[in-house]
Amino acid sequence: MVIIGASFNGPPILAPVLQEKTGWTRETSETVAQLVCPGLAQVFATPLHILGLDMYNRPTVSWSEHCKGLLRRTLDPLGVRMCRQIYVFGVGSIAIRLKVVPTASSCATTTAASIRRPSFTFTTLRTLICAKKCVYVVMS
């Protein structure tokens, strides 16, 4: 909830502040805000997830024991989680905004006769268009 909320509600709030403080264009500010917000949300979400896992796995331990070493245990997964969320919610949202990938509304007018081999901008994202439906498949 924290990640999704920050990823979609944070950029419209942060972009005007960035534009005012840095003098960047509106588009640049929106792009930077869209990339920064999902990563910053992980700074808050990762310790909560680690604490929740610890409380579940060690229910008899005191609250102070749960919190002891939380920062140390949080730093290891934080970078990986930030990269993953920036890619998913940052790059993905920018790609949709720039119309790099089709949206569901653009697929509603697609018919089987009009399907062409799509050109790909991102090598890891493949778009499969099938008779009025869009399915995004992430290739590993």
Protein backbone atom coordinates (compact mmCIF):
# COMPACT_ATOMS: atom_id res chain seq x y z
CA MET A 1 0.00 0.00 0.00
CA VAL A 2 2.84 2.38 0.85
CA ILE A 3 4.66 1.67 -2.41
CA ILE A 4 1.64 2.02 -4.67
CA GLY A 5 0.41 5.11 -2.85
CA ALA A 6 3.80 6.80 -3.07
CA SER A 7 4.34 5.71 -6.67
CA PHE A 8 1.14 7.21 -8.00
CA ASN A 9 0.28 9.98 -5.51
CA GLY A 10 3.80 11.22 -4.81
CA PRO A 11 4.95 12.36 -8.27
CA PRO A 12 2.13 14.91 -8.82
CA ILE A 13 3.03 16.43 -5.45
CA LEU A 14 6.81 16.28 -5.87
CA ALA A 15 7.06 17.38 -9.54
CA PRO A 16 5.97 21.03 -9.01
CA VAL A 17 8.36 21.32 -6.04
CA LEU A 18 11.24 19.99 -8.16
CA GLN A 19 10.32 22.34 -10.98
CA GLU A 20 10.25 25.34 -8.68
CA LYS A 21 13.45 24.52 -6.76
CA THR A 22 15.59 23.34 -9.68
CA GLY A 23 14.22 25.28 -12.65
CA TRP A 24 13.73 22.07 -14.65
CA THR A 25 11.00 21.81 -17.25
CA ARG A 26 7.66 20.34 -16.28
CA GLU A 27 8.34 17.12 -18.20
CA THR A 28 11.78 16.62 -16.62
CA SER A 29 10.40 17.27 -13.15
CA GLU A 30 7.58 14.76 -13.68
CA THR A 31 10.00 12.13 -14.97
CA VAL A 32 12.44 12.57 -12.08
CA ALA A 33 9.60 12.53 -9.54
CA GLN A 34 8.20 9.35 -11.09
CA LEU A 35 11.59 7.66 -10.77
CA VAL A 36 12.36 8.93 -7.25
CA CYS A 37 9.08 8.29 -5.43
CA PRO A 38 8.98 4.47 -5.66
CA GLY A 39 12.56 4.26 -4.40
CA LEU A 40 11.94 6.65 -1.52
CA ALA A 41 8.85 4.68 -0.52
CA GLN A 42 11.07 1.64 0.00
CA VAL A 43 13.00 3.53 2.68
CA PHE A 44 9.80 3.39 4.75
CA ALA A 45 8.30 0.11 3.55
CA THR A 46 11.34 -2.17 3.81
CA PRO A 47 11.86 -1.74 7.59
CA LEU A 48 8.13 -2.36 8.12
CA HIS A 49 8.28 -5.56 6.06
CA ILE A 50 11.43 -6.77 7.82
CA LEU A 51 9.90 -6.00 11.22
CA GLY A 52 6.70 -7.82 10.26
CA LEU A 53 8.61 -10.89 9.12
CA ASP A 54 10.65 -10.88 12.32
CA MET A 55 7.53 -10.57 14.49
CA TYR A 56 5.90 -13.46 12.63
CA ASN A 57 8.95 -15.72 12.81
CA ARG A 58 9.84 -14.89 16.44
CA PRO A 59 6.52 -14.22 18.21
CA THR A 60 7.88 -14.74 21.75
CA VAL A 61 10.67 -12.15 21.48
CA SER A 62 10.22 -8.75 23.13
CA TRP A 63 9.58 -5.56 21.15
CA SER A 64 13.08 -4.25 21.91
CA GLU A 65 14.61 -7.47 20.54
CA HIS A 66 12.59 -7.07 17.33
CA CYS A 67 13.88 -3.53 16.87
CA LYS A 68 17.49 -4.39 17.76
CA GLY A 69 19.51 -4.65 14.57
CA LEU A 70 16.58 -3.61 12.37
CA LEU A 71 18.68 -1.05 10.50
CA ARG A 72 21.40 -3.61 9.80
CA ARG A 73 18.87 -6.18 8.54
CA THR A 74 17.12 -3.53 6.42
CA LEU A 75 20.15 -2.27 4.51
CA ASP A 76 20.80 -5.58 2.71
CA PRO A 77 17.46 -5.89 0.87
CA LEU A 78 16.81 -2.14 0.56
CA GLY A 79 18.89 -1.56 -2.59
CA VAL A 80 17.41 -4.53 -4.41
CA ARG A 81 13.86 -3.58 -3.48
CA MET A 82 14.46 0.03 -4.55
CA CYS A 83 15.75 -1.06 -7.97
CA ARG A 84 12.79 -3.37 -8.47
CA GLN A 85 10.19 -0.74 -7.55
CA ILE A 86 11.87 2.00 -9.58
CA TYR A 87 11.78 -0.26 -12.63
CA VAL A 88 8.19 -1.41 -12.12
CA PHE A 89 6.48 1.77 -10.97
CA GLY A 90 8.94 4.37 -12.27
CA VAL A 91 9.99 3.18 -15.71
CA GLY A 92 6.66 1.43 -16.29
CA SER A 93 4.63 4.56 -15.52
CA ILE A 94 6.87 6.70 -17.70
CA ALA A 95 6.55 4.22 -20.57
CA ILE A 96 2.77 4.36 -20.32
CA ARG A 97 2.80 8.18 -20.07
CA LEU A 98 5.01 8.46 -23.15
CA LYS A 99 2.84 5.89 -24.95
CA VAL A 100 5.76 3.49 -25.46
CA VAL A 101 3.48 0.60 -24.53
CA PRO A 102 -0.21 0.38 -25.45
CA THR A 103 -2.86 0.84 -22.79
CA ALA A 104 -6.07 -1.13 -22.42
CA SER A 105 -8.10 1.65 -24.06
CA SER A 106 -5.88 1.62 -27.16
CA CYS A 107 -6.33 -2.14 -27.44
CA ALA A 108 -10.12 -1.90 -27.48
CA THR A 109 -10.06 -0.91 -31.16
CA THR A 110 -7.56 -3.60 -32.18
CA THR A 111 -8.95 -6.39 -34.32
CA ALA A 112 -7.32 -9.65 -35.37
CA ALA A 113 -6.93 -8.35 -38.95
CA SER A 114 -5.01 -5.24 -37.84
CA ILE A 115 -2.38 -7.01 -35.72
CA ARG A 116 1.17 -6.28 -36.86
CA ARG A 117 4.48 -7.32 -35.41
CA PRO A 118 5.12 -4.68 -32.70
CA SER A 119 8.41 -2.82 -32.40
CA PHE A 120 9.92 -2.98 -28.93
CA THR A 121 11.57 -0.12 -27.12
CA PHE A 122 12.44 -2.03 -23.93
CA THR A 123 14.13 -5.37 -24.48
CA THR A 124 12.57 -6.93 -21.38
CA LEU A 125 9.01 -5.90 -22.22
CA ARG A 126 7.10 -7.81 -24.88
CA THR A 127 3.65 -6.71 -25.91
CA LEU A 128 1.25 -9.34 -27.13
CA ILE A 129 -1.87 -7.97 -28.81
CA CYS A 130 -4.67 -10.49 -29.27
CA ALA A 131 -8.15 -9.59 -30.49
CA LYS A 132 -9.01 -6.55 -28.34
CA LYS A 133 -6.83 -7.56 -25.35
CA CYS A 134 -3.39 -6.45 -24.26
CA VAL A 135 -1.25 -8.77 -22.22
CA TYR A 136 2.11 -7.61 -20.92
CA VAL A 137 4.60 -10.39 -20.45
CA VAL A 138 7.86 -9.66 -18.68
CA MET A 139 10.59 -11.77 -20.17
CA SER A 140 13.43 -12.85 -17.94
